[in-house]
């Protein structure tokens, strides 16, 4: 693989990671406008547990 391809792949992955985190932060902010903080935390903990248990 050429250097430029490696750089492009690495930068694309970094961009997608940042965009995904930003999207998640927006989702959490939206949840916080309609739900109590503890309820949001509980939902996120349940989602995290589900992710950890995926095969």
Protein backbone atom coordinates (compact mmCIF):
# COMPACT_ATOMS: atom_id res chain seq x y z
CA UNK A 1 0.00 0.00 0.00
CA UNK A 2 1.34 3.40 -0.91
CA UNK A 3 2.05 5.99 1.77
CA UNK A 4 -0.69 8.30 0.49
CA UNK A 5 -3.23 5.48 0.73
CA UNK A 6 -2.15 4.71 4.30
CA UNK A 7 -2.44 8.37 5.26
CA UNK A 8 -5.87 8.65 3.62
CA UNK A 9 -7.09 5.53 5.38
CA UNK A 10 -5.79 6.72 8.75
CA UNK A 11 -7.30 10.20 8.36
CA UNK A 12 -10.64 8.80 7.20
CA UNK A 13 -10.77 6.55 10.26
CA UNK A 14 -9.89 9.49 12.53
CA UNK A 15 -12.60 11.65 10.93
CA UNK A 16 -15.23 8.93 11.29
CA UNK A 17 -14.27 8.43 14.94
CA UNK A 18 -14.60 12.17 15.67
CA UNK A 19 -17.89 12.40 13.77
CA UNK A 20 -19.30 9.40 15.61
CA UNK A 21 -18.37 10.83 19.00
CA UNK A 22 -19.88 14.20 18.08
CA UNK A 23 -23.09 12.47 16.97
CA UNK A 24 -23.23 10.54 20.25
CA UNK A 25 -22.73 13.75 22.23
CA UNK A 26 -25.64 15.34 20.33
CA UNK A 27 -27.83 12.34 21.09
CA UNK A 28 -26.97 12.52 24.78
CA UNK A 29 -27.69 16.26 24.81
CA UNK A 30 -31.08 15.62 23.22
CA UNK A 31 -31.84 12.97 25.82
CA UNK A 32 -30.87 15.41 28.58
CA UNK A 33 -33.49 17.90 27.36
CA UNK A 34 -36.31 15.38 27.92
CA UNK A 35 -35.09 13.02 30.64
CA UNK A 36 -33.58 13.28 34.09
CA UNK A 37 -29.80 12.92 34.35
CA UNK A 38 -30.01 9.65 36.29
CA UNK A 39 -32.41 8.21 33.73
CA UNK A 40 -30.00 9.09 30.91
CA UNK A 41 -27.12 7.55 32.84
CA UNK A 42 -29.11 4.35 33.42
CA UNK A 43 -30.05 4.08 29.74
CA UNK A 44 -26.44 4.64 28.65
CA UNK A 45 -25.18 2.06 31.15
CA UNK A 46 -27.69 -0.48 29.80
CA UNK A 47 -26.58 0.27 26.24
CA UNK A 48 -22.93 -0.10 27.25
CA UNK A 49 -23.65 -3.46 28.84
CA UNK A 50 -25.44 -4.59 25.68
CA UNK A 51 -22.45 -3.56 23.57
CA UNK A 52 -20.03 -5.41 25.82
CA UNK A 53 -22.09 -8.59 25.44
CA UNK A 54 -22.28 -8.54 21.64
CA UNK A 55 -20.68 -11.53 19.98
